[in-house]
Amino acid sequence: MRELNEQDVRIELDGRGISNAIYLYTPLCGTCNAARRMLEVAEYLLPEDAISAANVNIMPQIAQDFQIRSVPALLLLSSDSKATPSVHYRMGSVEELLSAIRSVIE
């Protein structure tokens, strides 16, 4: 999982990046660590670089722009660059995460 800074996130959001999902987290969040482990498993079943990660503690403007209510969150970027990214908060299982990410890949 590639770690992004705020500039990298903006590039992904502009549609010039390669990720289909950006995992938003904070480093000291226990639930975020569990979600990261599930996403790492999901990565093996997805195209390379489909998922990136970003620490929202260092990018408050991104959190505000997308009205991120809690972490962990998955910002899903459609292949259609004009579509508004959606935010997925439920990290119930690897299958659920795969389904959410695949919905924007295809």
C-alpha atoms as a PDB file:
ATOM      1  CA  MET A   1       0.000   0.000   0.000  1.00  0.00           C
ATOM      2  CA  ARG A   2       1.523   3.263  -1.144  1.00  0.00           C
ATOM      3  CA  GLU A   3       1.577   6.082   1.446  1.00  0.00           C
ATOM      4  CA  LEU A   4       0.359   9.427   0.085  1.00  0.00           C
ATOM      5  CA  ASN A   5       0.962  13.001   1.192  1.00  0.00           C
ATOM      6  CA  GLU A   6      -1.625  15.739   0.613  1.00  0.00           C
ATOM      7  CA  GLN A   7      -0.255  16.655  -2.822  1.00  0.00           C
ATOM      8  CA  ASP A   8      -0.374  12.984  -3.904  1.00  0.00           C
ATOM      9  CA  VAL A   9      -3.988  12.727  -2.698  1.00  0.00           C
ATOM     10  CA  ARG A  10      -4.923  15.785  -4.783  1.00  0.00           C
ATOM     11  CA  ILE A  11      -3.305  14.176  -7.849  1.00  0.00           C
ATOM     12  CA  GLU A  12      -5.302  10.981  -7.266  1.00  0.00           C
ATOM     13  CA  LEU A  13      -8.508  12.994  -6.840  1.00  0.00           C
ATOM     14  CA  ASP A  14      -7.864  14.909 -10.066  1.00  0.00           C
ATOM     15  CA  GLY A  15      -7.939  11.591 -11.905  1.00  0.00           C
ATOM     16  CA  ARG A  16      -4.277  11.644 -12.847  1.00  0.00           C
ATOM     17  CA  GLY A  17      -3.276   9.047 -10.262  1.00  0.00           C
ATOM     18  CA  ILE A  18      -3.427   5.272 -10.346  1.00  0.00           C
ATOM     19  CA  SER A  19      -5.322   4.364  -7.186  1.00  0.00           C
ATOM     20  CA  ASN A  20      -8.979   3.380  -7.080  1.00  0.00           C
ATOM     21  CA  ALA A  21      -9.223   3.631  -3.297  1.00  0.00           C
ATOM     22  CA  ILE A  22      -7.505   5.756  -0.675  1.00  0.00           C
ATOM     23  CA  TYR A  23      -7.486   4.338   2.835  1.00  0.00           C
ATOM     24  CA  LEU A  24      -7.807   7.221   5.321  1.00  0.00           C
ATOM     25  CA  TYR A  25      -6.536   6.539   8.828  1.00  0.00           C
ATOM     26  CA  THR A  26      -4.858   7.966  11.914  1.00  0.00           C
ATOM     27  CA  PRO A  27      -1.747   6.237  13.278  1.00  0.00           C
ATOM     28  CA  LEU A  28      -2.964   5.667  16.854  1.00  0.00           C
ATOM     29  CA  CYS A  29      -6.369   4.247  15.896  1.00  0.00           C
ATOM     30  CA  GLY A  30      -6.708   0.551  16.785  1.00  0.00           C
ATOM     31  CA  THR A  31      -9.646   0.029  14.420  1.00  0.00           C
ATOM     32  CA  CYS A  32      -7.585   1.630  11.655  1.00  0.00           C
ATOM     33  CA  ASN A  33      -4.821  -0.927  12.229  1.00  0.00           C
ATOM     34  CA  ALA A  34      -7.319  -3.792  11.945  1.00  0.00           C
ATOM     35  CA  ALA A  35      -8.772  -2.292   8.759  1.00  0.00           C
ATOM     36  CA  ARG A  36      -5.260  -1.913   7.302  1.00  0.00           C
ATOM     37  CA  ARG A  37      -4.620  -5.621   7.838  1.00  0.00           C
ATOM     38  CA  MET A  38      -7.851  -6.471   5.988  1.00  0.00           C
ATOM     39  CA  LEU A  39      -6.891  -4.136   3.138  1.00  0.00           C
ATOM     40  CA  GLU A  40      -3.441  -5.715   2.937  1.00  0.00           C
ATOM     41  CA  VAL A  41      -5.118  -9.094   2.393  1.00  0.00           C
ATOM     42  CA  ALA A  42      -7.455  -7.546  -0.202  1.00  0.00           C
ATOM     43  CA  GLU A  43      -4.471  -6.061  -2.045  1.00  0.00           C
ATOM     44  CA  TYR A  44      -3.376  -9.523  -3.139  1.00  0.00           C
ATOM     45  CA  LEU A  45      -6.646  -9.940  -5.053  1.00  0.00           C
ATOM     46  CA  LEU A  46      -6.668  -6.506  -6.720  1.00  0.00           C
ATOM     47  CA  PRO A  47      -4.583  -4.885  -9.454  1.00  0.00           C
ATOM     48  CA  GLU A  48      -1.289  -3.396  -8.341  1.00  0.00           C
ATOM     49  CA  ASP A  49      -1.563   0.042  -6.697  1.00  0.00           C
ATOM     50  CA  ALA A  50      -5.366  -0.144  -6.471  1.00  0.00           C
ATOM     51  CA  ILE A  51      -5.197   0.983  -2.826  1.00  0.00           C
ATOM     52  CA  SER A  52      -3.201   3.835  -1.320  1.00  0.00           C
ATOM     53  CA  ALA A  53      -3.122   5.134   2.248  1.00  0.00           C
ATOM     54  CA  ALA A  54      -3.188   8.618   3.747  1.00  0.00           C
ATOM     55  CA  ASN A  55      -2.861   9.851   7.332  1.00  0.00           C
ATOM     56  CA  VAL A  56      -5.697  12.376   7.802  1.00  0.00           C
ATOM     57  CA  ASN A  57      -3.961  13.899  10.838  1.00  0.00           C
ATOM     58  CA  ILE A  58      -1.583  15.678   8.473  1.00  0.00           C
ATOM     59  CA  MET A  59      -4.194  16.642   5.868  1.00  0.00           C
ATOM     60  CA  PRO A  60      -7.129  18.316   7.591  1.00  0.00           C
ATOM     61  CA  GLN A  61      -8.240  20.030   4.376  1.00  0.00           C
ATOM     62  CA  ILE A  62      -8.848  16.659   2.698  1.00  0.00           C
ATOM     63  CA  ALA A  63     -10.870  15.526   5.733  1.00  0.00           C
ATOM     64  CA  GLN A  64     -12.895  18.723   5.581  1.00  0.00           C
ATOM     65  CA  ASP A  65     -13.384  18.650   1.787  1.00  0.00           C
ATOM     66  CA  PHE A  66     -14.865  15.150   1.918  1.00  0.00           C
ATOM     67  CA  GLN A  67     -16.535  15.588   5.300  1.00  0.00           C
ATOM     68  CA  ILE A  68     -14.754  12.578   6.766  1.00  0.00           C
ATOM     69  CA  ARG A  69     -16.754  11.785   9.909  1.00  0.00           C
ATOM     70  CA  SER A  70     -14.560   9.048  11.314  1.00  0.00           C
ATOM     71  CA  VAL A  71     -11.640   6.789  10.563  1.00  0.00           C
ATOM     72  CA  PRO A  72     -10.961   4.330   9.177  1.00  0.00           C
ATOM     73  CA  ALA A  73     -12.520   5.418   5.917  1.00  0.00           C
ATOM     74  CA  LEU A  74     -12.079   4.336   2.339  1.00  0.00           C
ATOM     75  CA  LEU A  75     -12.310   7.055  -0.296  1.00  0.00           C
ATOM     76  CA  LEU A  76     -13.457   5.304  -3.473  1.00  0.00           C
ATOM     77  CA  LEU A  77     -12.400   6.935  -6.735  1.00  0.00           C
ATOM     78  CA  SER A  78     -14.373   6.034  -9.838  1.00  0.00           C
ATOM     79  CA  SER A  79     -12.581   5.581 -13.159  1.00  0.00           C
ATOM     80  CA  ASP A  80     -14.841   8.394 -14.396  1.00  0.00           C
ATOM     81  CA  SER A  81     -12.822  11.466 -13.359  1.00  0.00           C
ATOM     82  CA  LYS A  82     -15.998  13.606 -13.280  1.00  0.00           C
ATOM     83  CA  ALA A  83     -17.690  11.393 -10.689  1.00  0.00           C
ATOM     84  CA  THR A  84     -17.561  12.504  -7.060  1.00  0.00           C
ATOM     85  CA  PRO A  85     -15.537  10.144  -4.847  1.00  0.00           C
ATOM     86  CA  SER A  86     -17.597   8.237  -2.313  1.00  0.00           C
ATOM     87  CA  VAL A  87     -16.628   7.471   1.275  1.00  0.00           C
ATOM     88  CA  HIS A  88     -16.991   3.950   2.673  1.00  0.00           C
ATOM     89  CA  TYR A  89     -16.815   3.689   6.473  1.00  0.00           C
ATOM     90  CA  ARG A  90     -17.815   0.090   7.183  1.00  0.00           C
ATOM     91  CA  MET A  91     -14.807  -2.244   7.329  1.00  0.00           C
ATOM     92  CA  GLY A  92     -16.685  -5.436   8.136  1.00  0.00           C
ATOM     93  CA  SER A  93     -14.712  -8.023   6.180  1.00  0.00           C
ATOM     94  CA  VAL A  94     -12.178  -8.492   3.416  1.00  0.00           C
ATOM     95  CA  GLU A  95     -14.978  -9.593   1.067  1.00  0.00           C
ATOM     96  CA  GLU A  96     -16.939  -6.411   1.773  1.00  0.00           C
ATOM     97  CA  LEU A  97     -13.875  -4.261   1.103  1.00  0.00           C
ATOM     98  CA  LEU A  98     -13.104  -6.135  -2.112  1.00  0.00           C
ATOM     99  CA  SER A  99     -16.659  -5.630  -3.297  1.00  0.00           C
ATOM    100  CA  ALA A 100     -16.541  -1.891  -2.589  1.00  0.00           C
ATOM    101  CA  ILE A 101     -13.192  -1.419  -4.350  1.00  0.00           C
ATOM    102  CA  ARG A 102     -14.123  -3.604  -7.310  1.00  0.00           C
ATOM    103  CA  SER A 103     -17.315  -1.548  -7.783  1.00  0.00           C
ATOM    104  CA  VAL A 104     -15.163   1.439  -8.801  1.00  0.00           C
ATOM    105  CA  ILE A 105     -12.582  -0.529 -10.782  1.00  0.00           C
ATOM    106  CA  GLU A 106     -15.054  -2.052 -13.211  1.00  0.00           C
END
